[in-house]
Amino acid sequence: MPEHVSILQFLGVGVLVLAGFVWLAVLARILRRHRFDSVLRRPAQPLGALPGQTDAGPHEETVELTPAERDAFAGLVRQFSEDRG
């Protein structure tokens, strides 16, 4: 034991190392048990806490443009493409 280290410091390091090993052992046991349980669980089984999904999504909306609106849109596209180039 080094001269400049008190007995309490020396024992404190030992206690921390022992607590670390206990923590690792408990963590390994929890992870091993969780892995084993997840293998046994059937993936097709739905979770009870989550609501079921609806089959229908939002409806698509389409609008026919008039020729003037198409020309205006084409003009905007040309204007923005000239700014980039």
C-alpha atoms as a PDB file:
ATOM      1  CA  MET A   1       0.000   0.000   0.000  1.00  0.00           C
ATOM      2  CA  PRO A   2       1.448   3.416  -0.947  1.00  0.00           C
ATOM      3  CA  GLU A   3       2.463   5.711   1.923  1.00  0.00           C
ATOM      4  CA  HIS A   4       0.434   8.744   0.837  1.00  0.00           C
ATOM      5  CA  VAL A   5      -2.907   6.873   0.552  1.00  0.00           C
ATOM      6  CA  SER A   6      -5.058   6.534   3.661  1.00  0.00           C
ATOM      7  CA  ILE A   7      -6.813   3.290   4.515  1.00  0.00           C
ATOM      8  CA  LEU A   8     -10.205   4.899   3.813  1.00  0.00           C
ATOM      9  CA  GLN A   9      -9.146   5.923   0.305  1.00  0.00           C
ATOM     10  CA  PHE A  10      -7.769   2.450  -0.331  1.00  0.00           C
ATOM     11  CA  LEU A  11     -10.984   0.804   0.888  1.00  0.00           C
ATOM     12  CA  GLY A  12     -13.080   3.319  -1.071  1.00  0.00           C
ATOM     13  CA  VAL A  13     -11.432   2.301  -4.337  1.00  0.00           C
ATOM     14  CA  GLY A  14     -12.024  -1.344  -3.469  1.00  0.00           C
ATOM     15  CA  VAL A  15     -15.694  -0.711  -2.722  1.00  0.00           C
ATOM     16  CA  LEU A  16     -16.120   1.187  -6.020  1.00  0.00           C
ATOM     17  CA  VAL A  17     -14.471  -1.624  -7.980  1.00  0.00           C
ATOM     18  CA  LEU A  18     -16.674  -4.197  -6.258  1.00  0.00           C
ATOM     19  CA  ALA A  19     -19.788  -2.103  -6.958  1.00  0.00           C
ATOM     20  CA  GLY A  20     -18.753  -1.881 -10.617  1.00  0.00           C
ATOM     21  CA  PHE A  21     -18.467  -5.657 -10.892  1.00  0.00           C
ATOM     22  CA  VAL A  22     -21.854  -6.131  -9.215  1.00  0.00           C
ATOM     23  CA  TRP A  23     -23.399  -3.577 -11.591  1.00  0.00           C
ATOM     24  CA  LEU A  24     -21.920  -5.364 -14.626  1.00  0.00           C
ATOM     25  CA  ALA A  25     -23.192  -8.735 -13.400  1.00  0.00           C
ATOM     26  CA  VAL A  26     -26.718  -7.395 -12.860  1.00  0.00           C
ATOM     27  CA  LEU A  27     -26.690  -5.627 -16.235  1.00  0.00           C
ATOM     28  CA  ALA A  28     -25.550  -8.798 -18.019  1.00  0.00           C
ATOM     29  CA  ARG A  29     -28.290 -10.806 -16.321  1.00  0.00           C
ATOM     30  CA  ILE A  30     -30.983  -8.259 -17.264  1.00  0.00           C
ATOM     31  CA  LEU A  31     -29.815  -8.107 -20.876  1.00  0.00           C
ATOM     32  CA  ARG A  32     -29.637 -11.891 -21.147  1.00  0.00           C
ATOM     33  CA  ARG A  33     -33.166 -12.250 -19.740  1.00  0.00           C
ATOM     34  CA  HIS A  34     -34.506  -9.524 -22.040  1.00  0.00           C
ATOM     35  CA  ARG A  35     -32.948 -11.191 -25.102  1.00  0.00           C
ATOM     36  CA  PHE A  36     -34.462 -14.536 -24.117  1.00  0.00           C
ATOM     37  CA  ASP A  37     -37.917 -12.995 -23.591  1.00  0.00           C
ATOM     38  CA  SER A  38     -37.805 -11.166 -26.915  1.00  0.00           C
ATOM     39  CA  VAL A  39     -37.084 -14.445 -28.724  1.00  0.00           C
ATOM     40  CA  LEU A  40     -40.146 -16.038 -27.142  1.00  0.00           C
ATOM     41  CA  ARG A  41     -42.473 -13.131 -27.975  1.00  0.00           C
ATOM     42  CA  ARG A  42     -44.309 -13.515 -31.256  1.00  0.00           C
ATOM     43  CA  PRO A  43     -43.729 -10.499 -33.533  1.00  0.00           C
ATOM     44  CA  ALA A  44     -47.273 -10.726 -34.981  1.00  0.00           C
ATOM     45  CA  GLN A  45     -48.779 -10.056 -31.575  1.00  0.00           C
ATOM     46  CA  PRO A  46     -50.001  -6.428 -31.497  1.00  0.00           C
ATOM     47  CA  LEU A  47     -49.182  -4.165 -28.591  1.00  0.00           C
ATOM     48  CA  GLY A  48     -52.247  -3.469 -26.485  1.00  0.00           C
ATOM     49  CA  ALA A  49     -51.281   0.075 -25.526  1.00  0.00           C
ATOM     50  CA  LEU A  50     -51.079   1.341 -29.112  1.00  0.00           C
ATOM     51  CA  PRO A  51     -54.213   2.081 -31.140  1.00  0.00           C
ATOM     52  CA  GLY A  52     -54.717   0.279 -34.424  1.00  0.00           C
ATOM     53  CA  GLN A  53     -53.739   2.018 -37.630  1.00  0.00           C
ATOM     54  CA  THR A  54     -56.343   3.197 -40.070  1.00  0.00           C
ATOM     55  CA  ASP A  55     -56.224   1.773 -43.568  1.00  0.00           C
ATOM     56  CA  ALA A  56     -57.115   5.001 -45.326  1.00  0.00           C
ATOM     57  CA  GLY A  57     -54.768   7.933 -45.663  1.00  0.00           C
ATOM     58  CA  PRO A  58     -55.568  11.443 -46.761  1.00  0.00           C
ATOM     59  CA  HIS A  59     -57.257  11.747 -50.127  1.00  0.00           C
ATOM     60  CA  GLU A  60     -55.278  13.245 -52.979  1.00  0.00           C
ATOM     61  CA  GLU A  61     -56.608  16.486 -54.335  1.00  0.00           C
ATOM     62  CA  THR A  62     -56.166  17.555 -57.932  1.00  0.00           C
ATOM     63  CA  VAL A  63     -57.124  20.808 -59.546  1.00  0.00           C
ATOM     64  CA  GLU A  64     -57.219  21.444 -63.266  1.00  0.00           C
ATOM     65  CA  LEU A  65     -55.348  24.614 -64.226  1.00  0.00           C
ATOM     66  CA  THR A  66     -56.572  27.002 -66.828  1.00  0.00           C
ATOM     67  CA  PRO A  67     -54.245  27.779 -69.755  1.00  0.00           C
ATOM     68  CA  ALA A  68     -53.477  31.192 -68.222  1.00  0.00           C
ATOM     69  CA  GLU A  69     -52.509  29.565 -64.910  1.00  0.00           C
ATOM     70  CA  ARG A  70     -50.298  27.032 -66.730  1.00  0.00           C
ATOM     71  CA  ASP A  71     -48.536  29.867 -68.562  1.00  0.00           C
ATOM     72  CA  ALA A  72     -48.033  31.780 -65.304  1.00  0.00           C
ATOM     73  CA  PHE A  73     -46.614  28.684 -63.635  1.00  0.00           C
ATOM     74  CA  ALA A  74     -44.286  28.046 -66.576  1.00  0.00           C
ATOM     75  CA  GLY A  75     -43.119  31.668 -66.317  1.00  0.00           C
ATOM     76  CA  LEU A  76     -42.333  31.196 -62.615  1.00  0.00           C
ATOM     77  CA  VAL A  77     -40.402  28.014 -63.345  1.00  0.00           C
ATOM     78  CA  ARG A  78     -38.358  29.797 -66.014  1.00  0.00           C
ATOM     79  CA  GLN A  79     -37.718  32.737 -63.664  1.00  0.00           C
ATOM     80  CA  PHE A  80     -36.483  30.506 -60.842  1.00  0.00           C
ATOM     81  CA  SER A  81     -34.353  28.382 -63.163  1.00  0.00           C
ATOM     82  CA  GLU A  82     -32.673  31.530 -64.560  1.00  0.00           C
ATOM     83  CA  ASP A  83     -31.843  32.667 -61.010  1.00  0.00           C
ATOM     84  CA  ARG A  84     -30.069  29.400 -60.288  1.00  0.00           C
ATOM     85  CA  GLY A  85     -28.138  29.247 -63.558  1.00  0.00           C
END
